[in-house]
């Protein structure tokens, strides 16, 4: 996580659920970046491997764990293993997995952006932005409305 979410005290069920969803996405990203790094780091120029992104997700995971605990809830532990959404045998597949991981993280933080708690909205915005920027780097392009599935932009329209 790139910043402090402020005083959490006791949060409502919706906020805890949003934090747990973000935590689950960060846990999955930590796992997935182990696979991405195994394919990319050996062939990547210095500073362009997956290490920095892996560390960013670990920091975010640990921060979310602390927030959930401070709110009086129990963080859901990460599974022992994950089924990857794609097979990763090539550099191109590793880059694709990194994009998927970042898109999933961005989507998870969207639920924090919609909360009434200002500090959680700010946390969601910061982390959604960070995930969108990492995804754009891996994708080598940007997408409109990071964190939303294509076609869901209409849900942003008023009324």
Protein backbone atom coordinates (compact mmCIF):
# COMPACT_ATOMS: atom_id res chain seq x y z
CA UNK A 1 0.00 0.00 0.00
CA UNK A 2 1.29 3.42 -0.82
CA UNK A 3 -0.16 5.26 2.13
CA UNK A 4 -1.98 5.14 5.41
CA UNK A 5 -5.75 4.85 5.38
CA UNK A 6 -6.18 6.80 8.59
CA UNK A 7 -8.02 5.81 11.73
CA UNK A 8 -10.18 2.80 10.99
CA UNK A 9 -11.78 2.00 14.34
CA UNK A 10 -14.69 -0.30 13.69
CA UNK A 11 -15.81 -0.46 10.08
CA UNK A 12 -19.10 -1.67 8.72
CA UNK A 13 -19.61 -5.02 7.06
CA UNK A 14 -19.49 -3.49 3.56
CA UNK A 15 -16.11 -1.85 4.25
CA UNK A 16 -14.68 -5.03 5.75
CA UNK A 17 -15.91 -7.05 2.76
CA UNK A 18 -14.29 -4.54 0.36
CA UNK A 19 -11.02 -4.71 2.30
CA UNK A 20 -11.13 -8.52 2.31
CA UNK A 21 -11.73 -8.53 -1.48
CA UNK A 22 -8.76 -6.22 -2.01
CA UNK A 23 -6.67 -8.42 0.29
CA UNK A 24 -7.62 -11.53 -1.69
CA UNK A 25 -6.61 -9.81 -4.94
CA UNK A 26 -3.29 -8.73 -3.44
CA UNK A 27 -2.62 -12.23 -2.12
CA UNK A 28 -3.31 -13.68 -5.57
CA UNK A 29 -1.04 -11.06 -7.14
CA UNK A 30 1.79 -11.97 -4.75
CA UNK A 31 1.44 -15.61 -5.80
CA UNK A 32 1.09 -14.81 -9.50
CA UNK A 33 4.10 -12.52 -9.59
CA UNK A 34 6.21 -15.44 -8.42
CA UNK A 35 5.30 -17.13 -11.69
CA UNK A 36 5.68 -13.93 -13.73
CA UNK A 37 9.09 -13.28 -12.23
CA UNK A 38 10.27 -16.80 -12.92
CA UNK A 39 9.66 -16.22 -16.65
CA UNK A 40 10.66 -12.58 -16.94
CA UNK A 41 13.41 -11.74 -14.50
CA UNK A 42 16.12 -13.88 -16.08
CA UNK A 43 15.70 -12.24 -19.48
CA UNK A 44 14.67 -8.73 -18.41
CA UNK A 45 16.98 -5.74 -18.55
CA UNK A 46 17.92 -4.45 -15.07
CA UNK A 47 15.00 -2.70 -13.39
CA UNK A 48 12.41 -4.12 -15.78
CA UNK A 49 11.66 -7.44 -14.11
CA UNK A 50 8.66 -8.27 -11.98
CA UNK A 51 10.43 -7.84 -8.64
CA UNK A 52 9.27 -4.30 -7.90
CA UNK A 53 5.65 -5.16 -8.65
CA UNK A 54 5.85 -8.28 -6.49
CA UNK A 55 7.16 -6.19 -3.58
CA UNK A 56 4.46 -3.54 -4.12
CA UNK A 57 1.79 -6.23 -3.80
CA UNK A 58 3.41 -7.64 -0.67
CA UNK A 59 3.42 -4.19 0.93
CA UNK A 60 -0.23 -3.66 -0.06
CA UNK A 61 -1.18 -7.11 1.26
CA UNK A 62 0.48 -6.40 4.59
CA UNK A 63 -1.16 -2.98 4.85
CA UNK A 64 -4.61 -4.40 4.16
CA UNK A 65 -4.03 -7.13 6.73
CA UNK A 66 -3.18 -4.46 9.30
CA UNK A 67 -6.26 -2.36 8.39
CA UNK A 68 -8.61 -5.32 8.69
CA UNK A 69 -7.08 -6.31 12.02
CA UNK A 70 -7.27 -2.71 13.31
CA UNK A 71 -10.95 -2.67 12.37
CA UNK A 72 -11.53 -5.65 14.67
CA UNK A 73 -11.95 -8.25 11.93
CA UNK A 74 -9.87 -11.28 11.03
CA UNK A 75 -8.10 -11.14 7.65
CA UNK A 76 -8.89 -14.14 5.48
CA UNK A 77 -5.65 -16.09 4.93
CA UNK A 78 -4.35 -16.70 1.44
CA UNK A 79 -4.87 -20.12 -0.12
CA UNK A 80 -1.84 -22.39 -0.22
CA UNK A 81 -1.91 -22.38 -4.03
CA UNK A 82 -3.86 -20.82 -6.87
CA UNK A 83 -5.02 -22.00 -10.27
CA UNK A 84 -3.58 -19.52 -12.73
CA UNK A 85 -6.02 -18.06 -15.28
CA UNK A 86 -3.61 -18.84 -18.13
CA UNK A 87 -0.71 -21.19 -18.75
CA UNK A 88 2.65 -19.41 -18.43
CA UNK A 89 5.48 -20.93 -20.48
CA UNK A 90 6.70 -17.89 -22.42
CA UNK A 91 7.64 -14.29 -21.77
CA UNK A 92 4.51 -13.15 -23.62
CA UNK A 93 2.32 -15.35 -21.42
CA UNK A 94 4.07 -14.01 -18.31
CA UNK A 95 3.33 -10.44 -19.40
CA UNK A 96 -0.29 -11.43 -20.02
CA UNK A 97 -0.53 -12.91 -16.54
CA UNK A 98 0.87 -9.68 -15.06
CA UNK A 99 -1.84 -7.71 -16.89
CA UNK A 100 -4.55 -10.06 -15.58
CA UNK A 101 -3.21 -9.79 -12.03
CA UNK A 102 -3.14 -5.99 -12.16
CA UNK A 103 -6.61 -5.79 -13.73
CA UNK A 104 -7.96 -8.03 -10.95
CA UNK A 105 -6.30 -5.87 -8.29
CA UNK A 106 -7.74 -2.72 -9.87
CA UNK A 107 -11.21 -4.25 -9.94
CA UNK A 108 -10.96 -5.23 -6.28
CA UNK A 109 -10.01 -1.69 -5.26
CA UNK A 110 -13.07 -0.32 -7.11
CA UNK A 111 -15.21 -1.50 -4.20
CA UNK A 112 -13.18 0.66 -1.80
CA UNK A 113 -13.62 3.71 -4.03
CA UNK A 114 -17.38 3.45 -3.59
CA UNK A 115 -17.37 3.49 0.22
CA UNK A 116 -18.43 6.45 2.35
CA UNK A 117 -15.23 6.41 4.45
CA UNK A 118 -12.94 9.05 2.95
CA UNK A 119 -9.70 7.34 3.98
CA UNK A 120 -10.80 4.05 2.40
CA UNK A 121 -11.90 5.84 -0.79
CA UNK A 122 -8.49 7.52 -0.96
CA UNK A 123 -6.75 4.18 -0.38
CA UNK A 124 -8.84 2.58 -3.13
CA UNK A 125 -8.08 5.41 -5.52
CA UNK A 126 -4.33 5.28 -4.87
CA UNK A 127 -4.11 1.52 -5.24
CA UNK A 128 -6.42 1.36 -8.26
CA UNK A 129 -4.22 3.98 -9.93
CA UNK A 130 -1.04 2.07 -9.06
CA UNK A 131 -2.49 -1.18 -10.45
CA UNK A 132 -3.66 0.58 -13.63
CA UNK A 133 -0.20 2.05 -14.19
CA UNK A 134 1.49 -1.32 -13.68
CA UNK A 135 -1.02 -2.97 -16.05
CA UNK A 136 -0.40 -0.27 -18.66
CA UNK A 137 3.35 -0.90 -18.44
CA UNK A 138 2.88 -4.66 -18.90
CA UNK A 139 0.21 -4.19 -21.57
CA UNK A 140 2.21 -1.43 -23.28
CA UNK A 141 -1.00 0.56 -23.61
CA UNK A 142 -3.76 1.98 -21.47
CA UNK A 143 -7.42 1.09 -21.18
CA UNK A 144 -10.37 3.35 -20.40
CA UNK A 145 -11.76 2.97 -16.88
CA UNK A 146 -9.24 0.60 -15.27
CA UNK A 147 -10.93 -1.79 -12.89
CA UNK A 148 -14.06 -2.10 -14.99
CA UNK A 149 -14.77 -4.78 -17.54
CA UNK A 150 -15.11 -3.47 -21.11
CA UNK A 151 -18.70 -2.40 -21.61
CA UNK A 152 -19.29 -1.62 -17.92
CA UNK A 153 -18.53 2.07 -18.44
CA UNK A 154 -22.28 2.71 -18.75
CA UNK A 155 -22.59 1.96 -15.04
CA UNK A 156 -20.76 5.24 -14.40
CA UNK A 157 -23.56 7.27 -15.96
CA UNK A 158 -25.86 9.18 -13.58
CA UNK A 159 -29.36 7.94 -12.84
